Amino acid sequence: MDEKPALPQWASDYLAWLATQKRAAALTLENYRRDLLRLAELAQGRAPHTLTAPEIRRFASRLHGQGLSGRSIARALSVWRGLYRWLIRNQGLQTNPVAGIRAPKSPAMLPKALSQDQAKFLLDKEAETLLEIRDRAMFELFYSSGLRLAELAALELDSGSPNGWVDFAENMVTVHGKRNRTRTVPVGNPALDALKAWLNVRGQLPAKGSRAFFITRTGQPMSQGAVRNRLRRWALASGLNVHVHPHMFRHSFASHLLQSSGDLRAVQELLGHASIRSTQVYTHLDFQHLAKVYDAAHPRARK
């Protein structure tokens, strides 16, 4: 396995601070590491306190020239901006050369969601094997409660587990989400039935003492990659001619709720978004749905 490129000391110290003081998740730290390495490579060995705003702007332009999207460059600039704020607080740096520098704009990318008919078609497929009973339970829960992939994979059998659990008495699922936030979301009846069907057969697998809610045929907890692969297989077997991934269920959950209720704040709470701005993207999906209805139904919309 290839070794990761070494980081300069200032970058390693900042990552250590994020890990210990901010309790940043492993994936977040990996993303920060990549963008700090970009800064170190562009600076060619120079320390951050020697860099100026025009140089940072040139660095952003070089990243754009290398083919990075505006969103990726914006993320890198955000990481660099945070680094300089940390240097100002902890090492007496006077100015933040990244302040005010913006990334080039990228075309707006809307999340892809299934239509209600597509979601029904996908989830109505009959489960014919023990593993398909498990898979159907996972996918019903994705769509019913809008869970993230990591949240679903972390679920455990034990009520009150810090990693998340299903409360069948209250028809709720509690998950441990991003930024250590815990939220509780309702579970619909089809999902509850699918989850109970899975628990009825789970004992037929060699669980090896694992308390994970979803396990593999060998008794190991389902990894995120395994869930993705099973969904890919399920979609192909169902005949749905759409590339489906776990997060698409979350997008579908949000857009279908918004279409029916129009309650953006409620959808924000159910998704566990810290900011309403993250949820507002689904209003664009809702508008697309309404526009399609208009085009299909209004007599003056027809060509």
C-alpha atoms as a PDB file:
ATOM      1  CA  MET A   1       0.000   0.000   0.000  1.00  0.00           C
ATOM      2  CA  ASP A   2       1.321   3.463  -0.937  1.00  0.00           C
ATOM      3  CA  GLU A   3       2.262   5.677   1.982  1.00  0.00           C
ATOM      4  CA  LYS A   4       0.544   9.012   2.328  1.00  0.00           C
ATOM      5  CA  PRO A   5       2.699  12.059   1.514  1.00  0.00           C
ATOM      6  CA  ALA A   6       4.160  13.627   4.627  1.00  0.00           C
ATOM      7  CA  LEU A   7       2.601  16.833   5.910  1.00  0.00           C
ATOM      8  CA  PRO A   8       4.624  19.786   7.197  1.00  0.00           C
ATOM      9  CA  GLN A   9       4.557  20.262  10.943  1.00  0.00           C
ATOM     10  CA  TRP A  10       2.116  23.176  10.881  1.00  0.00           C
ATOM     11  CA  ALA A  11      -0.446  21.057   9.015  1.00  0.00           C
ATOM     12  CA  SER A  12       0.027  18.072  11.336  1.00  0.00           C
ATOM     13  CA  ASP A  13      -0.429  20.313  14.381  1.00  0.00           C
ATOM     14  CA  TYR A  14      -3.633  21.780  12.966  1.00  0.00           C
ATOM     15  CA  LEU A  15      -5.053  18.330  12.192  1.00  0.00           C
ATOM     16  CA  ALA A  16      -4.193  17.154  15.699  1.00  0.00           C
ATOM     17  CA  TRP A  17      -6.042  20.154  17.129  1.00  0.00           C
ATOM     18  CA  LEU A  18      -9.091  19.386  14.979  1.00  0.00           C
ATOM     19  CA  ALA A  19      -9.053  15.769  16.120  1.00  0.00           C
ATOM     20  CA  THR A  20      -8.670  16.464  19.836  1.00  0.00           C
ATOM     21  CA  GLN A  21     -10.402  19.796  20.371  1.00  0.00           C
ATOM     22  CA  LYS A  22     -13.070  19.735  17.664  1.00  0.00           C
ATOM     23  CA  ARG A  23     -13.551  15.946  17.644  1.00  0.00           C
ATOM     24  CA  ALA A  24     -13.599  15.998  13.853  1.00  0.00           C
ATOM     25  CA  ALA A  25     -14.683  12.747  12.198  1.00  0.00           C
ATOM     26  CA  ALA A  26     -12.122  10.548  10.445  1.00  0.00           C
ATOM     27  CA  LEU A  27     -13.521  11.382   6.986  1.00  0.00           C
ATOM     28  CA  THR A  28     -13.439  15.108   7.788  1.00  0.00           C
ATOM     29  CA  LEU A  29      -9.810  14.844   8.878  1.00  0.00           C
ATOM     30  CA  GLU A  30      -8.937  12.990   5.677  1.00  0.00           C
ATOM     31  CA  ASN A  31     -10.545  15.736   3.568  1.00  0.00           C
ATOM     32  CA  TYR A  32      -8.717  18.424   5.558  1.00  0.00           C
ATOM     33  CA  ARG A  33      -5.457  16.548   5.148  1.00  0.00           C
ATOM     34  CA  ARG A  34      -5.865  16.477   1.379  1.00  0.00           C
ATOM     35  CA  ASP A  35      -6.518  20.229   1.153  1.00  0.00           C
ATOM     36  CA  LEU A  36      -3.687  21.106   3.551  1.00  0.00           C
ATOM     37  CA  LEU A  37      -1.368  18.986   1.429  1.00  0.00           C
ATOM     38  CA  ARG A  38      -2.482  20.967  -1.619  1.00  0.00           C
ATOM     39  CA  LEU A  39      -1.568  24.202   0.163  1.00  0.00           C
ATOM     40  CA  ALA A  40       1.826  22.829   1.169  1.00  0.00           C
ATOM     41  CA  GLU A  41       2.579  21.711  -2.394  1.00  0.00           C
ATOM     42  CA  LEU A  42       1.507  25.041  -3.887  1.00  0.00           C
ATOM     43  CA  ALA A  43       3.580  26.938  -1.293  1.00  0.00           C
ATOM     44  CA  GLN A  44       6.645  24.837  -2.210  1.00  0.00           C
ATOM     45  CA  GLY A  45       7.952  24.575   1.322  1.00  0.00           C
ATOM     46  CA  ARG A  46       7.164  28.092   2.465  1.00  0.00           C
ATOM     47  CA  ALA A  47       5.507  28.527   5.847  1.00  0.00           C
ATOM     48  CA  PRO A  48       1.881  29.773   5.899  1.00  0.00           C
ATOM     49  CA  HIS A  49       2.784  33.054   7.620  1.00  0.00           C
ATOM     50  CA  THR A  50       4.889  34.067   4.592  1.00  0.00           C
ATOM     51  CA  LEU A  51       2.023  33.741   2.091  1.00  0.00           C
ATOM     52  CA  THR A  52       0.038  36.729   0.857  1.00  0.00           C
ATOM     53  CA  ALA A  53      -3.516  37.156  -0.386  1.00  0.00           C
ATOM     54  CA  PRO A  54      -2.437  37.551  -4.062  1.00  0.00           C
ATOM     55  CA  GLU A  55      -0.484  34.283  -3.763  1.00  0.00           C
ATOM     56  CA  ILE A  56      -3.471  32.466  -2.272  1.00  0.00           C
ATOM     57  CA  ARG A  57      -5.578  33.806  -5.153  1.00  0.00           C
ATOM     58  CA  ARG A  58      -3.025  32.441  -7.629  1.00  0.00           C
ATOM     59  CA  PHE A  59      -3.110  29.089  -5.835  1.00  0.00           C
ATOM     60  CA  ALA A  60      -6.886  28.955  -6.300  1.00  0.00           C
ATOM     61  CA  SER A  61      -6.434  29.785  -9.988  1.00  0.00           C
ATOM     62  CA  ARG A  62      -3.895  26.996 -10.356  1.00  0.00           C
ATOM     63  CA  LEU A  63      -6.293  24.502  -8.785  1.00  0.00           C
ATOM     64  CA  HIS A  64      -8.931  25.658 -11.259  1.00  0.00           C
ATOM     65  CA  GLY A  65      -6.458  25.149 -14.080  1.00  0.00           C
ATOM     66  CA  GLN A  66      -5.808  21.616 -12.838  1.00  0.00           C
ATOM     67  CA  GLY A  67      -9.490  20.834 -13.364  1.00  0.00           C
ATOM     68  CA  LEU A  68     -10.832  21.111  -9.814  1.00  0.00           C
ATOM     69  CA  SER A  69     -14.466  22.162  -9.629  1.00  0.00           C
ATOM     70  CA  GLY A  70     -15.528  25.398  -8.012  1.00  0.00           C
ATOM     71  CA  ARG A  71     -17.007  23.410  -5.143  1.00  0.00           C
ATOM     72  CA  SER A  72     -13.710  21.580  -4.506  1.00  0.00           C
ATOM     73  CA  ILE A  73     -11.756  24.831  -4.616  1.00  0.00           C
ATOM     74  CA  ALA A  74     -14.259  26.464  -2.252  1.00  0.00           C
ATOM     75  CA  ARG A  75     -13.771  23.584   0.178  1.00  0.00           C
ATOM     76  CA  ALA A  76      -9.978  23.933  -0.029  1.00  0.00           C
ATOM     77  CA  LEU A  77     -10.213  27.687   0.600  1.00  0.00           C
ATOM     78  CA  SER A  78     -12.478  27.009   3.590  1.00  0.00           C
ATOM     79  CA  VAL A  79      -9.898  24.592   5.024  1.00  0.00           C
ATOM     80  CA  TRP A  80      -7.106  27.112   4.474  1.00  0.00           C
ATOM     81  CA  ARG A  81      -9.192  29.886   6.002  1.00  0.00           C
ATOM     82  CA  GLY A  82      -9.741  27.754   9.102  1.00  0.00           C
ATOM     83  CA  LEU A  83      -6.024  27.010   9.301  1.00  0.00           C
ATOM     84  CA  TYR A  84      -5.206  30.719   9.345  1.00  0.00           C
ATOM     85  CA  ARG A  85      -7.852  31.437  11.989  1.00  0.00           C
ATOM     86  CA  TRP A  86      -6.166  28.777  14.124  1.00  0.00           C
ATOM     87  CA  LEU A  87      -2.732  30.328  13.481  1.00  0.00           C
ATOM     88  CA  ILE A  88      -4.046  33.762  14.473  1.00  0.00           C
ATOM     89  CA  ARG A  89      -5.480  32.411  17.739  1.00  0.00           C
ATOM     90  CA  ASN A  90      -2.586  30.147  18.665  1.00  0.00           C
ATOM     91  CA  GLN A  91       0.551  31.485  17.033  1.00  0.00           C
ATOM     92  CA  GLY A  92       0.048  35.227  16.934  1.00  0.00           C
ATOM     93  CA  LEU A  93      -0.421  35.592  13.181  1.00  0.00           C
ATOM     94  CA  GLN A  94      -1.850  39.015  12.385  1.00  0.00           C
ATOM     95  CA  THR A  95      -3.839  38.567   9.159  1.00  0.00           C
ATOM     96  CA  ASN A  96      -5.739  35.887   7.278  1.00  0.00           C
ATOM     97  CA  PRO A  97      -4.686  36.019   3.603  1.00  0.00           C
ATOM     98  CA  VAL A  98      -7.556  33.710   2.600  1.00  0.00           C
ATOM     99  CA  ALA A  99     -10.239  36.063   3.929  1.00  0.00           C
ATOM    100  CA  GLY A 100     -12.412  37.395   1.124  1.00  0.00           C
ATOM    101  CA  ILE A 101     -11.031  35.065  -1.558  1.00  0.00           C
ATOM    102  CA  ARG A 102     -13.761  33.176  -3.371  1.00  0.00           C
ATOM    103  CA  ALA A 103     -13.681  30.157  -5.615  1.00  0.00           C
ATOM    104  CA  PRO A 104     -14.939  30.270  -9.212  1.00  0.00           C
ATOM    105  CA  LYS A 105     -18.593  29.356  -9.437  1.00  0.00           C
ATOM    106  CA  SER A 106     -19.634  25.900 -10.571  1.00  0.00           C
ATOM    107  CA  PRO A 107     -22.944  25.042 -12.197  1.00  0.00           C
ATOM    108  CA  ALA A 108     -25.541  24.302  -9.543  1.00  0.00           C
ATOM    109  CA  MET A 109     -25.857  20.539  -9.042  1.00  0.00           C
ATOM    110  CA  LEU A 110     -29.200  19.397  -7.687  1.00  0.00           C
ATOM    111  CA  PRO A 111     -29.319  16.133  -5.753  1.00  0.00           C
ATOM    112  CA  LYS A 112     -30.827  13.302  -7.761  1.00  0.00           C
ATOM    113  CA  ALA A 113     -33.995  11.832  -6.338  1.00  0.00           C
ATOM    114  CA  LEU A 114     -36.222   8.959  -7.379  1.00  0.00           C
ATOM    115  CA  SER A 115     -39.764   9.722  -8.412  1.00  0.00           C
ATOM    116  CA  GLN A 116     -42.452   8.374  -6.108  1.00  0.00           C
ATOM    117  CA  ASP A 117     -43.305   5.727  -8.699  1.00  0.00           C
ATOM    118  CA  GLN A 118     -39.653   4.689  -9.007  1.00  0.00           C
ATOM    119  CA  ALA A 119     -39.281   4.409  -5.238  1.00  0.00           C
ATOM    120  CA  LYS A 120     -42.421   2.269  -5.025  1.00  0.00           C
ATOM    121  CA  PHE A 121     -41.276   0.081  -7.914  1.00  0.00           C
ATOM    122  CA  LEU A 122     -37.882  -0.440  -6.296  1.00  0.00           C
ATOM    123  CA  LEU A 123     -39.190  -1.252  -2.830  1.00  0.00           C
ATOM    124  CA  ASP A 124     -42.072  -3.432  -3.982  1.00  0.00           C
ATOM    125  CA  LYS A 125     -39.630  -6.047  -5.292  1.00  0.00           C
ATOM    126  CA  GLU A 126     -40.161  -9.293  -3.398  1.00  0.00           C
ATOM    127  CA  ALA A 127     -37.368 -10.551  -1.146  1.00  0.00           C
ATOM    128  CA  GLU A 128     -36.667 -14.183  -2.085  1.00  0.00           C
ATOM    129  CA  THR A 129     -33.661 -15.029   0.106  1.00  0.00           C
ATOM    130  CA  LEU A 130     -32.561 -14.368   3.674  1.00  0.00           C
ATOM    131  CA  LEU A 131     -30.074 -11.726   2.526  1.00  0.00           C
ATOM    132  CA  GLU A 132     -32.702 -10.048   0.375  1.00  0.00           C
ATOM    133  CA  ILE A 133     -34.978  -9.837   3.433  1.00  0.00           C
ATOM    134  CA  ARG A 134     -32.131  -7.929   5.115  1.00  0.00           C
ATOM    135  CA  ASP A 135     -31.579  -5.761   2.049  1.00  0.00           C
ATOM    136  CA  ARG A 136     -35.235  -4.852   1.731  1.00  0.00           C
ATOM    137  CA  ALA A 137     -35.270  -3.816   5.405  1.00  0.00           C
ATOM    138  CA  MET A 138     -32.244  -1.552   4.845  1.00  0.00           C
ATOM    139  CA  PHE A 139     -33.698   0.124   1.782  1.00  0.00           C
ATOM    140  CA  GLU A 140     -37.158   0.584   3.302  1.00  0.00           C
ATOM    141  CA  LEU A 141     -35.516   2.256   6.312  1.00  0.00           C
ATOM    142  CA  PHE A 142     -33.426   4.540   4.081  1.00  0.00           C
ATOM    143  CA  TYR A 143     -36.529   5.788   2.293  1.00  0.00           C
ATOM    144  CA  SER A 144     -38.832   5.816   5.321  1.00  0.00           C
ATOM    145  CA  SER A 145     -36.581   7.846   7.615  1.00  0.00           C
ATOM    146  CA  GLY A 146     -34.051   9.643   5.386  1.00  0.00           C
ATOM    147  CA  LEU A 147     -31.003   8.130   7.080  1.00  0.00           C
ATOM    148  CA  ARG A 148     -27.458   8.691   5.940  1.00  0.00           C
ATOM    149  CA  LEU A 149     -25.493   5.608   4.923  1.00  0.00           C
ATOM    150  CA  ALA A 150     -23.170   5.863   7.945  1.00  0.00           C
ATOM    151  CA  GLU A 151     -26.147   6.226  10.292  1.00  0.00           C
ATOM    152  CA  LEU A 152     -27.835   3.091   8.981  1.00  0.00           C
ATOM    153  CA  ALA A 153     -24.638   1.024   9.009  1.00  0.00           C
ATOM    154  CA  ALA A 154     -24.001   2.006  12.659  1.00  0.00           C
ATOM    155  CA  LEU A 155     -27.387   0.867  14.004  1.00  0.00           C
ATOM    156  CA  GLU A 156     -27.310  -1.735  16.764  1.00  0.00           C
ATOM    157  CA  LEU A 157     -29.815  -4.099  18.354  1.00  0.00           C
ATOM    158  CA  ASP A 158     -29.536  -2.658  21.854  1.00  0.00           C
ATOM    159  CA  SER A 159     -32.069  -0.029  22.864  1.00  0.00           C
ATOM    160  CA  GLY A 160     -30.288   3.178  23.870  1.00  0.00           C
ATOM    161  CA  SER A 161     -27.095   2.296  21.977  1.00  0.00           C
ATOM    162  CA  PRO A 162     -24.951   5.416  21.392  1.00  0.00           C
ATOM    163  CA  ASN A 163     -24.577   4.273  17.774  1.00  0.00           C
ATOM    164  CA  GLY A 164     -28.327   4.246  17.119  1.00  0.00           C
ATOM    165  CA  TRP A 165     -31.237   1.813  17.499  1.00  0.00           C
ATOM    166  CA  VAL A 166     -34.802   1.104  16.357  1.00  0.00           C
ATOM    167  CA  ASP A 167     -37.628   1.589  18.871  1.00  0.00           C
ATOM    168  CA  PHE A 168     -40.433  -0.700  17.715  1.00  0.00           C
ATOM    169  CA  ALA A 169     -42.716   0.363  20.573  1.00  0.00           C
ATOM    170  CA  GLU A 170     -42.636   4.008  19.474  1.00  0.00           C
ATOM    171  CA  ASN A 171     -42.095   3.403  15.712  1.00  0.00           C
ATOM    172  CA  MET A 172     -38.945   5.518  15.807  1.00  0.00           C
ATOM    173  CA  VAL A 173     -35.283   5.199  14.891  1.00  0.00           C
ATOM    174  CA  THR A 174     -32.589   7.115  16.779  1.00  0.00           C
ATOM    175  CA  VAL A 175     -29.295   7.769  14.998  1.00  0.00           C
ATOM    176  CA  HIS A 176     -25.989   9.416  15.775  1.00  0.00           C
ATOM    177  CA  GLY A 177     -25.332  11.776  12.887  1.00  0.00           C
ATOM    178  CA  LYS A 178     -22.847  14.373  11.744  1.00  0.00           C
ATOM    179  CA  ARG A 179     -21.121  16.609  14.291  1.00  0.00           C
ATOM    180  CA  ASN A 180     -22.131  14.211  17.079  1.00  0.00           C
ATOM    181  CA  ARG A 181     -25.793  15.179  16.731  1.00  0.00           C
ATOM    182  CA  THR A 182     -28.392  12.626  17.778  1.00  0.00           C
ATOM    183  CA  ARG A 183     -31.852  12.742  16.226  1.00  0.00           C
ATOM    184  CA  THR A 184     -34.963  10.593  16.351  1.00  0.00           C
ATOM    185  CA  VAL A 185     -37.048  10.046  13.221  1.00  0.00           C
ATOM    186  CA  PRO A 186     -40.372   8.241  12.665  1.00  0.00           C
ATOM    187  CA  VAL A 187     -40.380   4.897  10.844  1.00  0.00           C
ATOM    188  CA  GLY A 188     -43.282   4.082   8.514  1.00  0.00           C
ATOM    189  CA  ASN A 189     -45.252   0.846   8.690  1.00  0.00           C
ATOM    190  CA  PRO A 190     -43.774  -0.781   5.548  1.00  0.00           C
ATOM    191  CA  ALA A 191     -40.281  -0.190   6.929  1.00  0.00           C
ATOM    192  CA  LEU A 192     -41.272  -1.496  10.369  1.00  0.00           C
ATOM    193  CA  ASP A 193     -42.683  -4.653   8.804  1.00  0.00           C
ATOM    194  CA  ALA A 194     -39.509  -5.143   6.762  1.00  0.00           C
ATOM    195  CA  LEU A 195     -37.312  -4.607   9.841  1.00  0.00           C
ATOM    196  CA  LYS A 196     -39.318  -7.133  11.875  1.00  0.00           C
ATOM    197  CA  ALA A 197     -39.086  -9.652   9.024  1.00  0.00           C
ATOM    198  CA  TRP A 198     -35.309  -9.215   9.047  1.00  0.00           C
ATOM    199  CA  LEU A 199     -35.015  -9.684  12.812  1.00  0.00           C
ATOM    200  CA  ASN A 200     -37.063 -12.874  12.525  1.00  0.00           C
ATOM    201  CA  VAL A 201     -34.376 -14.423  10.296  1.00  0.00           C
ATOM    202  CA  ARG A 202     -31.237 -12.627  11.533  1.00  0.00           C
ATOM    203  CA  GLY A 203     -30.563 -15.439  13.999  1.00  0.00           C
ATOM    204  CA  GLN A 204     -30.034 -17.835  11.103  1.00  0.00           C
ATOM    205  CA  LEU A 205     -26.725 -16.100  10.354  1.00  0.00           C
ATOM    206  CA  PRO A 206     -23.592 -16.713  12.461  1.00  0.00           C
ATOM    207  CA  ALA A 207     -23.690 -13.360  14.262  1.00  0.00           C
ATOM    208  CA  LYS A 208     -20.577 -14.178  16.348  1.00  0.00           C
ATOM    209  CA  GLY A 209     -21.805 -11.973  19.158  1.00  0.00           C
ATOM    210  CA  SER A 210     -22.130  -8.896  16.927  1.00  0.00           C
ATOM    211  CA  ARG A 211     -24.766  -6.423  18.111  1.00  0.00           C
ATOM    212  CA  ALA A 212     -24.916  -4.681  14.737  1.00  0.00           C
ATOM    213  CA  PHE A 213     -28.487  -4.458  13.469  1.00  0.00           C
ATOM    214  CA  PHE A 214     -27.508  -5.383   9.915  1.00  0.00           C
ATOM    215  CA  ILE A 215     -24.924  -8.135   9.429  1.00  0.00           C
ATOM    216  CA  THR A 216     -23.355  -9.999   6.508  1.00  0.00           C
ATOM    217  CA  ARG A 217     -23.706 -13.687   5.741  1.00  0.00           C
ATOM    218  CA  THR A 218     -20.571 -14.280   7.860  1.00  0.00           C
ATOM    219  CA  GLY A 219     -21.929 -12.349  10.838  1.00  0.00           C
ATOM    220  CA  GLN A 220     -19.854  -9.185  10.386  1.00  0.00           C
ATOM    221  CA  PRO A 221     -21.462  -5.725  10.607  1.00  0.00           C
ATOM    222  CA  MET A 222     -22.488  -4.448   7.189  1.00  0.00           C
ATOM    223  CA  SER A 223     -19.896  -1.992   5.905  1.00  0.00           C
ATOM    224  CA  GLN A 224     -20.958   1.092   3.961  1.00  0.00           C
ATOM    225  CA  GLY A 225     -19.410  -0.385   0.823  1.00  0.00           C
ATOM    226  CA  ALA A 226     -21.374  -3.602   1.299  1.00  0.00           C
ATOM    227  CA  VAL A 227     -24.634  -1.655   1.587  1.00  0.00           C
ATOM    228  CA  ARG A 228     -23.834   0.216  -1.643  1.00  0.00           C
ATOM    229  CA  ASN A 229     -23.077  -3.014  -3.464  1.00  0.00           C
ATOM    230  CA  ARG A 230     -26.273  -4.707  -2.279  1.00  0.00           C
ATOM    231  CA  LEU A 231     -28.346  -1.716  -3.384  1.00  0.00           C
ATOM    232  CA  ARG A 232     -26.683  -1.794  -6.797  1.00  0.00           C
ATOM    233  CA  ARG A 233     -27.563  -5.479  -7.139  1.00  0.00           C
ATOM    234  CA  TRP A 234     -31.117  -4.903  -5.922  1.00  0.00           C
ATOM    235  CA  ALA A 235     -31.729  -2.102  -8.436  1.00  0.00           C
ATOM    236  CA  LEU A 236     -30.386  -4.213 -11.312  1.00  0.00           C
ATOM    237  CA  ALA A 237     -32.518  -7.197 -10.297  1.00  0.00           C
ATOM    238  CA  SER A 238     -35.627  -5.021 -10.037  1.00  0.00           C
ATOM    239  CA  GLY A 239     -35.200  -3.817 -13.618  1.00  0.00           C
ATOM    240  CA  LEU A 240     -35.168  -0.129 -12.666  1.00  0.00           C
ATOM    241  CA  ASN A 241     -33.030   1.508 -15.334  1.00  0.00           C
ATOM    242  CA  VAL A 242     -31.589   4.131 -12.954  1.00  0.00           C
ATOM    243  CA  HIS A 243     -28.263   4.271 -11.119  1.00  0.00           C
ATOM    244  CA  VAL A 244     -29.332   4.136  -7.466  1.00  0.00           C
ATOM    245  CA  HIS A 245     -27.106   4.881  -4.483  1.00  0.00           C
ATOM    246  CA  PRO A 246     -27.985   5.049  -0.770  1.00  0.00           C
ATOM    247  CA  HIS A 247     -28.012   8.837  -0.562  1.00  0.00           C
ATOM    248  CA  MET A 248     -30.586   8.939  -3.358  1.00  0.00           C
ATOM    249  CA  PHE A 249     -33.085   7.470  -0.878  1.00  0.00           C
ATOM    250  CA  ARG A 250     -32.345  10.377   1.485  1.00  0.00           C
ATOM    251  CA  HIS A 251     -32.883  12.878  -1.340  1.00  0.00           C
ATOM    252  CA  SER A 252     -36.115  11.104  -2.291  1.00  0.00           C
ATOM    253  CA  PHE A 253     -37.304  11.094   1.332  1.00  0.00           C
ATOM    254  CA  ALA A 254     -36.756  14.853   1.588  1.00  0.00           C
ATOM    255  CA  SER A 255     -38.193  15.886  -1.778  1.00  0.00           C
ATOM    256  CA  HIS A 256     -41.293  13.677  -1.471  1.00  0.00           C
ATOM    257  CA  LEU A 257     -42.002  14.980   2.036  1.00  0.00           C
ATOM    258  CA  LEU A 258     -41.618  18.537   0.833  1.00  0.00           C
ATOM    259  CA  GLN A 259     -43.899  17.929  -2.143  1.00  0.00           C
ATOM    260  CA  SER A 260     -46.610  16.644   0.179  1.00  0.00           C
ATOM    261  CA  SER A 261     -46.233  18.990   3.152  1.00  0.00           C
ATOM    262  CA  GLY A 262     -44.408  22.111   2.027  1.00  0.00           C
ATOM    263  CA  ASP A 263     -42.957  22.279   5.559  1.00  0.00           C
ATOM    264  CA  LEU A 264     -39.279  23.085   5.047  1.00  0.00           C
ATOM    265  CA  ARG A 265     -38.523  23.380   8.778  1.00  0.00           C
ATOM    266  CA  ALA A 266     -39.946  19.946   9.512  1.00  0.00           C
ATOM    267  CA  VAL A 267     -37.888  18.406   6.699  1.00  0.00           C
ATOM    268  CA  GLN A 268     -34.807  20.165   8.096  1.00  0.00           C
ATOM    269  CA  GLU A 269     -35.392  18.572  11.503  1.00  0.00           C
ATOM    270  CA  LEU A 270     -35.997  15.121  10.054  1.00  0.00           C
ATOM    271  CA  LEU A 271     -32.827  15.293   7.956  1.00  0.00           C
ATOM    272  CA  GLY A 272     -30.758  16.607  10.860  1.00  0.00           C
ATOM    273  CA  HIS A 273     -29.480  19.626   8.935  1.00  0.00           C
ATOM    274  CA  ALA A 274     -27.825  22.238  11.126  1.00  0.00           C
ATOM    275  CA  SER A 275     -28.711  24.994   8.646  1.00  0.00           C
ATOM    276  CA  ILE A 276     -31.930  25.575   6.720  1.00  0.00           C
ATOM    277  CA  ARG A 277     -29.759  26.425   3.708  1.00  0.00           C
ATOM    278  CA  SER A 278     -28.798  22.770   3.372  1.00  0.00           C
ATOM    279  CA  THR A 279     -32.470  21.846   3.175  1.00  0.00           C
ATOM    280  CA  GLN A 280     -33.473  24.590   0.756  1.00  0.00           C
ATOM    281  CA  VAL A 281     -31.946  22.705  -2.174  1.00  0.00           C
ATOM    282  CA  TYR A 282     -34.999  20.440  -2.025  1.00  0.00           C
ATOM    283  CA  THR A 283     -37.275  23.383  -2.788  1.00  0.00           C
ATOM    284  CA  HIS A 284     -35.651  23.404  -6.242  1.00  0.00           C
ATOM    285  CA  LEU A 285     -36.468  19.718  -6.672  1.00  0.00           C
ATOM    286  CA  ASP A 286     -40.023  20.469  -5.578  1.00  0.00           C
ATOM    287  CA  PHE A 287     -40.244  23.274  -8.136  1.00  0.00           C
ATOM    288  CA  GLN A 288     -39.019  20.895 -10.853  1.00  0.00           C
ATOM    289  CA  HIS A 289     -41.812  18.487  -9.880  1.00  0.00           C
ATOM    290  CA  LEU A 290     -44.418  21.251 -10.033  1.00  0.00           C
ATOM    291  CA  ALA A 291     -43.050  22.429 -13.376  1.00  0.00           C
ATOM    292  CA  LYS A 292     -43.414  18.927 -14.821  1.00  0.00           C
ATOM    293  CA  VAL A 293     -47.010  18.754 -13.563  1.00  0.00           C
ATOM    294  CA  TYR A 294     -47.698  22.145 -15.179  1.00  0.00           C
ATOM    295  CA  ASP A 295     -46.127  21.131 -18.483  1.00  0.00           C
ATOM    296  CA  ALA A 296     -48.140  17.932 -18.560  1.00  0.00           C
ATOM    297  CA  ALA A 297     -51.477  19.343 -17.429  1.00  0.00           C
ATOM    298  CA  HIS A 298     -51.885  22.982 -18.412  1.00  0.00           C
ATOM    299  CA  PRO A 299     -53.485  23.372 -21.834  1.00  0.00           C
ATOM    300  CA  ARG A 300     -51.404  26.440 -22.695  1.00  0.00           C
ATOM    301  CA  ALA A 301     -48.165  24.713 -21.712  1.00  0.00           C
ATOM    302  CA  ARG A 302     -48.409  22.158 -24.488  1.00  0.00           C
ATOM    303  CA  LYS A 303     -46.527  22.690 -27.713  1.00  0.00           C
END
